[in-house]
C-alpha cells in the first residue's frame, strides 16, 4: 500500500502531461507569437491598467448617468418648449408625452406621444396624432467635430417609421423611411377628408435644408399606398343640409412622387386607378419648417366609375345612375356641384396650409384640368 501511494504521489502520469501540453499548444495558436515575448508581456502589463481602468470608469459613468438622468424633467422641458413655440391660429398644435426613459446609453425612449390639433369644425374634439413608442439616439463620434447625428424609430399607426436627422453647422438633412403604416390609424387624414381612409402606406422622404430652412430645401418624396379605400358605409357626411352615409369606395393603389428644389415641392405624380374611382392630381407645395404650415397649391380631380354608380340604390342616389350627368345627391352641396366638369370628373383646387387645406371647386362646366403642375399664383389653373 505504501509503495503504491509513493508511486502515485511522486510521479506525473504520462497521459496527464501529454494532455496539459496539448491544451497549452491549442491556446498558443490563438495568440500572435510576438505577444509571447517578454518585451510584449511587459508592455501589456504596463499599459493595461493605464488604459483599461479609465475605460472601465468611463463606461460605468455613462451607464450610471443614463440610469440616474432626470428624464422626467427633460420630458417636461421638451413639451413646454414645443408648446411655447406654437403660434396662435388654426395650425397651432399641442404636444403631450406620457413617459420618457433611457434607451441604452445615448438614447431616449418615449411612450404615449400625442400631438393635438384644433378640429376643423367648432365644437368637435381636437384631432389627435398618436405615436405608441418613439426611440431616438444621438451618435457620439460626430459630436467631436461639432455635428449632430440623431437616428430615430417610431412604432406608430400599426407600422414603423425609421429615420436619421443630421445637422452639420447650420445645414440639416432628414431621411425617413415609412413601412406598412395603416392609413386608418392616422386621425388627421380622416379629419381632413371628413371620411375614414384605409390602406397601407410605405415610402421614403429625403430632404436637405441649407441653413436649416425648409424654404431653401431640396430632395424627394416617394410614397405609395396599397388597397386604399374611402368611407366605410357607416360614417356620415352632409350633402347640403342632408346627412348621408356614403358606401365604401375602392381607390386602389395610390402613388405620390414629388421633387423639391429651392423650397418648392413639385408633385410629378399623384395618381390612383381603382375599380371604383379614377383619381389624379398635380401641383406644388411651398415648404415650411413646420410641415402643417406648408402652403398647398394643388389640383385634384376624381371620377366615380359607372360600375360603382350602379352597384346599389345608395350609390345611384349618391353619385347618380350610370351614364347620367345629373341627379347626384352629393351635388346638393354647392361646392361639389361647382366642381363637376363636362367629362364627369369632380375637380378641386386645394389651397392654404397643409394642416388645414381649403378645397375650391374647379368645374364650371368645362373639362377637368389636365396634369402639368400648378400655376405660380395658385389662381389660374394648370400650366405646362
Protein backbone atom coordinates (compact mmCIF):
# COMPACT_ATOMS: atom_id res chain seq x y z
CA UNK A 1 0.00 0.00 0.00
CA UNK A 2 2.83 2.44 0.86
CA UNK A 3 4.66 1.68 -2.36
CA UNK A 4 1.53 2.31 -4.35
CA UNK A 5 0.92 5.63 -2.62
CA UNK A 6 4.50 6.86 -3.03
CA UNK A 7 4.47 5.97 -6.71
CA UNK A 8 1.33 7.88 -7.47
CA UNK A 9 2.21 10.94 -5.42
CA UNK A 10 5.77 11.38 -6.66
CA UNK A 11 5.29 10.91 -10.39
CA UNK A 12 3.12 12.60 -13.02
CA UNK A 13 1.10 10.43 -15.30
CA UNK A 14 2.39 10.46 -18.88
CA UNK A 15 -1.19 10.80 -20.11
CA UNK A 16 -1.83 13.92 -17.97
CA UNK A 17 1.44 15.53 -19.09
CA UNK A 18 0.56 14.98 -22.70
CA UNK A 19 -2.92 16.39 -22.08
CA UNK A 20 -1.56 19.58 -20.48
CA UNK A 21 0.94 20.14 -23.27
CA UNK A 22 -1.75 19.69 -25.88
CA UNK A 23 -4.02 22.23 -24.15
CA UNK A 24 -1.22 24.82 -23.99
CA UNK A 25 -0.45 24.27 -27.62
CA UNK A 26 -4.08 24.87 -28.53
CA UNK A 27 -4.19 28.10 -26.52
CA UNK A 28 -0.96 29.39 -28.03
CA UNK A 29 -2.35 29.04 -31.55
CA UNK A 30 -4.74 31.94 -30.83
CA UNK A 31 -2.01 34.30 -29.56
CA UNK A 32 0.35 36.06 -32.02
CA UNK A 33 3.95 34.86 -31.46
CA UNK A 34 5.17 38.43 -30.87
CA UNK A 35 2.94 38.77 -27.83
CA UNK A 36 4.54 35.73 -26.22
CA UNK A 37 7.87 37.52 -25.98
CA UNK A 38 8.91 39.04 -22.66
CA UNK A 39 9.07 42.51 -24.21
CA UNK A 40 5.41 42.43 -25.16
CA UNK A 41 4.40 40.94 -21.86
CA UNK A 42 5.98 43.91 -20.09
CA UNK A 43 4.19 46.38 -22.37
CA UNK A 44 0.91 44.62 -21.82
CA UNK A 45 1.33 44.66 -18.05
CA UNK A 46 2.38 48.34 -18.16
CA UNK A 47 -0.39 49.78 -20.36
CA UNK A 48 -3.37 47.60 -19.50
CA UNK A 49 -4.04 49.34 -16.14
CA UNK A 50 -3.46 52.79 -17.68
CA UNK A 51 -5.97 52.25 -20.49
CA UNK A 52 -8.32 49.59 -19.16
CA UNK A 53 -9.12 51.21 -15.81
CA UNK A 54 -10.08 54.65 -17.29
CA UNK A 55 -12.22 52.92 -19.90
CA UNK A 56 -13.91 50.91 -17.20
CA UNK A 57 -14.66 54.03 -15.15
CA UNK A 58 -15.90 55.88 -18.26
CA UNK A 59 -18.24 53.02 -19.08
CA UNK A 60 -19.55 52.98 -15.52
CA UNK A 61 -20.03 56.76 -15.63
CA UNK A 62 -22.09 56.59 -18.84
CA UNK A 63 -24.20 53.72 -17.56
CA UNK A 64 -24.88 55.37 -14.19
CA UNK A 65 -25.59 58.72 -15.88
CA UNK A 66 -28.17 57.13 -18.19
CA UNK A 67 -29.82 55.37 -15.25
CA UNK A 68 -29.93 58.37 -12.92
CA UNK A 69 -30.60 61.08 -15.55
CA UNK A 70 -33.73 63.17 -14.74
CA UNK A 71 -35.76 62.13 -17.79
CA UNK A 72 -38.99 63.47 -16.29
CA UNK A 73 -37.53 66.98 -16.21
CA UNK A 74 -36.25 66.58 -19.77
CA UNK A 75 -39.72 65.46 -20.88
CA UNK A 76 -41.37 68.46 -19.21
CA UNK A 77 -38.85 70.85 -20.77
CA UNK A 78 -39.31 69.32 -24.24
CA UNK A 79 -43.10 69.57 -24.03
CA UNK A 80 -43.02 73.12 -22.66
CA UNK A 81 -40.52 74.27 -25.31
CA UNK A 82 -42.57 72.83 -28.20
CA UNK A 83 -45.89 74.19 -26.96
CA UNK A 84 -44.39 77.63 -26.31
CA UNK A 85 -43.08 77.76 -29.90
CA UNK A 86 -46.57 77.34 -31.39
CA UNK A 87 -48.18 80.36 -32.96
CA UNK A 88 -51.85 81.03 -32.14
CA UNK A 89 -54.15 80.15 -35.01
CA UNK A 90 -55.60 77.27 -36.99
CA UNK A 91 -52.25 75.46 -37.26
CA UNK A 92 -51.49 75.52 -33.53
CA UNK A 93 -50.56 72.14 -32.02
CA UNK A 94 -50.09 70.83 -28.51
CA UNK A 95 -47.59 68.11 -27.55
CA UNK A 96 -48.10 65.52 -24.80
CA UNK A 97 -45.69 62.75 -23.70
CA UNK A 98 -46.77 60.17 -21.13
CA UNK A 99 -43.36 58.70 -20.30
CA UNK A 100 -39.67 59.20 -21.12
CA UNK A 101 -36.90 56.78 -20.11
CA UNK A 102 -33.37 55.79 -21.11
CA UNK A 103 -32.67 53.72 -24.20
CA UNK A 104 -29.21 52.23 -23.56
CA UNK A 105 -26.60 54.96 -23.01
CA UNK A 106 -27.03 57.74 -25.58
CA UNK A 107 -30.71 57.35 -26.38
CA UNK A 108 -34.18 58.04 -25.02
CA UNK A 109 -37.46 56.16 -25.29
CA UNK A 110 -40.84 57.88 -25.18
CA UNK A 111 -44.27 56.32 -24.83
CA UNK A 112 -47.67 57.83 -25.41
CA UNK A 113 -46.58 60.70 -27.65
CA UNK A 114 -49.63 62.71 -28.75
CA UNK A 115 -49.89 65.78 -30.95
CA UNK A 116 -53.24 67.59 -30.72
CA UNK A 117 -54.57 69.95 -33.37
CA UNK A 118 -57.70 72.07 -33.47
CA UNK A 119 -60.69 70.42 -35.14
CA UNK A 120 -61.81 71.83 -38.50
CA UNK A 121 -65.33 72.35 -37.18
CA UNK A 122 -66.19 74.26 -33.97
CA UNK A 123 -67.43 72.14 -31.10
CA UNK A 124 -65.60 68.99 -32.19
CA UNK A 125 -62.79 67.46 -30.07
CA UNK A 126 -59.15 68.09 -31.07
CA UNK A 127 -57.63 65.88 -33.75
CA UNK A 128 -55.01 63.55 -32.25
CA UNK A 129 -51.85 62.22 -33.89
CA UNK A 130 -50.66 59.39 -31.64
CA UNK A 131 -47.30 57.59 -31.57
CA UNK A 132 -47.22 54.47 -29.40
CA UNK A 133 -43.46 54.44 -28.84
CA UNK A 134 -40.57 56.56 -30.09
CA UNK A 135 -36.83 55.96 -29.73
CA UNK A 136 -34.06 58.43 -30.52
CA UNK A 137 -30.30 58.01 -30.26
CA UNK A 138 -27.50 60.50 -30.79
CA UNK A 139 -24.17 59.35 -32.25
CA UNK A 140 -21.20 60.30 -30.09
CA UNK A 141 -18.39 60.48 -32.67
CA UNK A 142 -19.93 63.27 -34.86
CA UNK A 143 -20.18 65.44 -31.75
CA UNK A 144 -16.38 65.60 -31.67
CA UNK A 145 -16.37 67.72 -34.84
CA UNK A 146 -19.46 69.69 -33.88
CA UNK A 147 -22.02 67.72 -35.91
CA UNK A 148 -25.22 66.12 -34.66
CA UNK A 149 -26.49 62.80 -35.93
CA UNK A 150 -29.73 61.50 -34.42
CA UNK A 151 -31.36 58.26 -35.52
CA UNK A 152 -34.96 57.53 -34.56
CA UNK A 153 -37.54 54.75 -34.71
CA UNK A 154 -41.29 55.12 -34.30
CA UNK A 155 -43.87 52.44 -33.61
CA UNK A 156 -46.98 54.22 -34.82
CA UNK A 157 -50.15 53.74 -36.88
CA UNK A 158 -49.75 49.95 -36.77
CA UNK A 159 -46.48 50.31 -38.71
CA UNK A 160 -42.94 51.59 -38.36
CA UNK A 161 -41.07 54.77 -39.24
CA UNK A 162 -37.25 54.91 -39.25
CA UNK A 163 -35.10 57.89 -39.95
CA UNK A 164 -31.96 59.95 -39.45
CA UNK A 165 -31.61 63.64 -38.66
CA UNK A 166 -28.20 65.18 -39.37
CA UNK A 167 -27.01 68.69 -38.55
CA UNK A 168 -23.67 70.00 -39.81
CA UNK A 169 -23.22 73.64 -38.93
CA UNK A 170 -26.48 75.31 -39.97
CA UNK A 171 -27.32 72.73 -42.64
CA UNK A 172 -29.82 69.96 -41.91
CA UNK A 173 -30.61 66.66 -43.59
CA UNK A 174 -33.62 64.44 -42.90
CA UNK A 175 -34.06 60.92 -44.25
CA UNK A 176 -37.23 58.99 -43.35
CA UNK A 177 -38.43 55.53 -44.35
CA UNK A 178 -42.06 54.52 -43.80
CA UNK A 179 -43.09 50.88 -43.57
CA UNK A 180 -46.63 49.41 -43.54
CA UNK A 181 -48.33 52.38 -41.89
CA UNK A 182 -52.11 51.95 -41.56
CA UNK A 183 -53.88 54.98 -43.04
CA UNK A 184 -56.93 54.23 -40.92
CA UNK A 185 -54.89 54.97 -37.79
CA UNK A 186 -53.90 58.47 -38.98
CA UNK A 187 -56.68 60.54 -37.45
CA UNK A 188 -55.75 63.89 -39.07
CA UNK A 189 -56.12 62.31 -42.52
CA UNK A 190 -59.70 61.25 -41.82
CA UNK A 191 -60.41 64.65 -40.27
CA UNK A 192 -59.15 66.46 -43.40
CA UNK A 193 -61.28 64.34 -45.77
CA UNK A 194 -64.28 64.03 -43.47
CA UNK A 195 -64.38 60.25 -44.04
CA UNK A 196 -62.32 57.28 -42.82
CA UNK A 197 -59.48 56.10 -45.08
CA UNK A 198 -57.99 52.62 -45.25
CA UNK A 199 -54.80 51.29 -46.84
CA UNK A 200 -51.13 50.56 -46.16
CA UNK A 201 -48.55 53.30 -46.72
CA UNK A 202 -44.84 52.84 -47.50
CA UNK A 203 -42.21 55.17 -48.90
CA UNK A 204 -39.21 57.45 -48.41
CA UNK A 205 -38.67 61.13 -47.71
CA UNK A 206 -35.20 62.64 -48.25
CA UNK A 207 -34.78 66.39 -47.72
CA UNK A 208 -31.72 68.64 -47.40
CA UNK A 209 -32.25 72.08 -45.86
CA UNK A 210 -29.43 74.65 -46.24
CA UNK A 211 -29.12 76.86 -43.15
CA UNK A 212 -31.82 74.69 -41.60
CA UNK A 213 -34.53 76.38 -43.68
CA UNK A 214 -37.20 74.30 -45.41
CA UNK A 215 -37.87 77.33 -47.64
CA UNK A 216 -34.49 76.59 -49.29
CA UNK A 217 -34.83 72.80 -49.17
CA UNK A 218 -34.25 70.22 -51.88
CA UNK A 219 -34.81 66.47 -52.11
CA UNK A 220 -37.52 63.97 -52.93
CA UNK A 221 -40.70 62.36 -51.64
CA UNK A 222 -41.78 58.94 -52.89
CA UNK A 223 -44.88 57.41 -51.29
CA UNK A 224 -47.16 54.57 -52.27
CA UNK A 225 -50.27 53.12 -50.65
CA UNK A 226 -51.95 49.82 -51.43
CA UNK A 227 -55.61 48.78 -51.20
CA UNK A 228 -56.74 52.32 -50.45
CA UNK A 229 -60.43 52.93 -49.80
CA UNK A 230 -62.50 55.91 -48.65
CA UNK A 231 -65.64 55.75 -46.45
CA UNK A 232 -66.87 52.66 -44.65
CA UNK A 233 -70.64 52.64 -45.07
CA UNK A 234 -71.08 53.93 -41.51
CA UNK A 235 -69.58 57.44 -41.31
CA UNK A 236 -71.89 60.27 -42.35
CA UNK A 237 -71.26 63.42 -44.35
CA UNK A 238 -73.52 66.30 -45.31
CA UNK A 239 -74.83 66.84 -48.82
CA UNK A 240 -76.19 70.35 -48.46
CA UNK A 241 -78.18 70.12 -45.24
CA UNK A 242 -78.93 66.41 -45.63
CA UNK A 243 -76.73 63.86 -43.78
CA UNK A 244 -75.86 60.84 -45.90
CA UNK A 245 -73.85 57.63 -45.42
CA UNK A 246 -71.63 57.01 -48.46
CA UNK A 247 -70.68 53.42 -49.29
CA UNK A 248 -67.08 52.25 -49.27
CA UNK A 249 -65.18 53.37 -52.39
CA UNK A 250 -62.19 51.31 -53.57
CA UNK A 251 -59.47 53.75 -54.67
CA UNK A 252 -56.89 51.01 -55.31
CA UNK A 253 -53.13 51.58 -55.30
CA UNK A 254 -52.06 55.20 -54.86
CA UNK A 255 -48.72 56.75 -55.91
CA UNK A 256 -47.31 60.12 -54.87
CA UNK A 257 -43.94 61.34 -56.21
CA UNK A 258 -42.52 64.82 -55.75
CA UNK A 259 -39.20 66.62 -56.20
CA UNK A 260 -38.10 69.56 -54.06
CA UNK A 261 -35.87 72.41 -55.21
CA UNK A 262 -35.27 75.78 -53.55
CA UNK A 263 -38.11 75.20 -51.11
CA UNK A 264 -40.75 74.24 -53.70
CA UNK A 265 -42.00 70.64 -53.67
CA UNK A 266 -43.37 69.92 -57.14
CA UNK A 267 -45.75 66.97 -57.45
CA UNK A 268 -44.73 64.97 -60.52
CA UNK A 269 -47.04 62.02 -59.95
CA UNK A 270 -50.25 61.71 -57.97
CA UNK A 271 -52.47 59.00 -59.36
CA UNK A 272 -54.75 56.11 -58.40
CA UNK A 273 -56.88 53.95 -60.62
CA UNK A 274 -59.10 51.59 -58.68
CA UNK A 275 -62.19 49.72 -59.74
CA UNK A 276 -64.48 52.37 -58.24
CA UNK A 277 -62.70 55.67 -58.90
CA UNK A 278 -60.15 57.36 -61.15
CA UNK A 279 -58.02 59.89 -59.22
CA UNK A 280 -55.16 62.15 -60.31
CA UNK A 281 -53.51 65.40 -59.31
CA UNK A 282 -50.54 67.73 -59.65
CA UNK A 283 -49.22 71.00 -58.31
CA UNK A 284 -46.74 72.17 -55.75
CA UNK A 285 -46.20 72.80 -52.04
CA UNK A 286 -44.20 75.70 -50.63
CA UNK A 287 -42.32 74.09 -47.75
CA UNK A 288 -42.13 75.49 -44.23
CA UNK A 289 -40.20 74.38 -41.12
CA UNK A 290 -43.49 73.18 -39.60
CA UNK A 291 -44.95 70.76 -42.17
CA UNK A 292 -48.55 71.63 -41.32
CA UNK A 293 -47.80 75.29 -42.14
CA UNK A 294 -46.56 74.49 -45.67
CA UNK A 295 -48.62 76.19 -48.39
CA UNK A 296 -50.54 73.99 -50.85
CA UNK A 297 -51.25 74.82 -54.48
CA UNK A 298 -52.63 71.54 -55.86
CA UNK A 299 -55.16 70.44 -58.46
CA UNK A 300 -57.02 67.21 -57.72
CA UNK A 301 -59.75 65.51 -59.74
CA UNK A 302 -61.69 62.26 -59.40
CA UNK A 303 -64.37 60.37 -61.27
CA UNK A 304 -66.65 57.63 -59.97
CA UNK A 305 -66.92 54.63 -62.31
CA UNK A 306 -70.26 53.62 -63.84
CA UNK A 307 -69.81 50.17 -62.32
CA UNK A 308 -69.80 51.62 -58.81
CA UNK A 309 -72.64 54.06 -59.55
CA UNK A 310 -74.86 51.10 -60.46
CA UNK A 311 -73.71 48.97 -57.52
CA UNK A 312 -76.77 49.60 -55.33
CA UNK A 313 -79.53 52.13 -54.68
CA UNK A 314 -77.34 54.16 -52.31
CA UNK A 315 -74.59 54.52 -54.93
CA UNK A 316 -77.16 55.50 -57.59
CA UNK A 317 -78.66 58.13 -55.31
CA UNK A 318 -75.33 59.48 -54.15
CA UNK A 319 -73.48 59.72 -57.50
CA UNK A 320 -76.33 59.42 -60.00
CA UNK A 321 -77.31 56.43 -62.18
CA UNK A 322 -74.69 55.08 -64.63
CA UNK A 323 -74.42 57.21 -67.76
CA UNK A 324 -76.33 60.15 -66.30
CA UNK A 325 -74.89 63.62 -65.77
CA UNK A 326 -77.36 64.83 -63.14
CA UNK A 327 -79.37 63.67 -60.17
CA UNK A 328 -76.39 63.01 -57.89
CA UNK A 329 -77.18 63.56 -54.23
CA UNK A 330 -73.66 64.80 -53.46
CA UNK A 331 -74.26 67.71 -55.84
CA UNK A 332 -76.69 69.16 -53.33
CA UNK A 333 -73.51 70.62 -51.83
CA UNK A 334 -72.90 73.79 -53.90
CA UNK A 335 -69.13 73.28 -53.88
CA UNK A 336 -69.42 69.74 -55.25
CA UNK A 337 -71.85 70.88 -57.95
CA UNK A 338 -69.47 73.65 -58.99
CA UNK A 339 -66.64 71.10 -59.16
CA UNK A 340 -68.46 68.96 -61.76
CA UNK A 341 -66.84 69.01 -65.21
CA UNK A 342 -68.29 68.12 -68.62
CA UNK A 343 -66.36 64.83 -68.74
CA UNK A 344 -67.81 63.60 -65.44
CA UNK A 345 -64.90 64.47 -63.15
CA UNK A 346 -65.07 66.48 -59.93
CA UNK A 347 -62.13 68.90 -59.90
CA UNK A 348 -60.82 70.87 -56.92
CA UNK A 349 -58.07 73.39 -56.32
CA UNK A 350 -56.50 72.64 -52.93
CA UNK A 351 -55.05 75.78 -51.36
CA UNK A 352 -53.91 77.06 -47.98
CA UNK A 353 -51.94 75.45 -45.18
CA UNK A 354 -51.25 71.75 -45.47
CA UNK A 355 -52.69 71.19 -42.00
CA UNK A 356 -55.98 72.92 -42.88
CA UNK A 357 -56.42 72.95 -46.68
CA UNK A 358 -59.26 74.67 -48.49
CA UNK A 359 -60.95 72.84 -51.39
CA UNK A 360 -62.10 75.24 -54.10
CA UNK A 361 -64.29 73.85 -56.93
CA UNK A 362 -62.70 73.90 -60.38
CA UNK A 363 -65.55 72.62 -62.57
CA UNK A 364 -67.69 75.30 -64.16
CA UNK A 365 -68.96 73.05 -66.92
CA UNK A 366 -65.59 72.64 -68.67
CA UNK A 367 -63.39 69.59 -68.80
CA UNK A 368 -61.22 68.70 -65.83
CA UNK A 369 -57.75 70.34 -65.81
CA UNK A 370 -55.03 68.10 -67.17
CA UNK A 371 -51.88 67.26 -65.23
CA UNK A 372 -48.88 69.50 -65.52
CA UNK A 373 -48.28 71.47 -62.32
CA UNK A 374 -49.98 74.31 -60.55
CA UNK A 375 -49.66 77.88 -61.54
CA UNK A 376 -47.33 80.26 -59.82
CA UNK A 377 -50.15 82.33 -58.34
CA UNK A 378 -52.36 79.40 -57.48
CA UNK A 379 -55.44 81.05 -59.06
CA UNK A 380 -55.38 80.37 -62.82
CA UNK A 381 -55.25 76.66 -63.12
CA UNK A 382 -52.51 74.48 -64.52
CA UNK A 383 -49.51 75.47 -66.62
CA UNK A 384 -47.22 73.10 -68.60
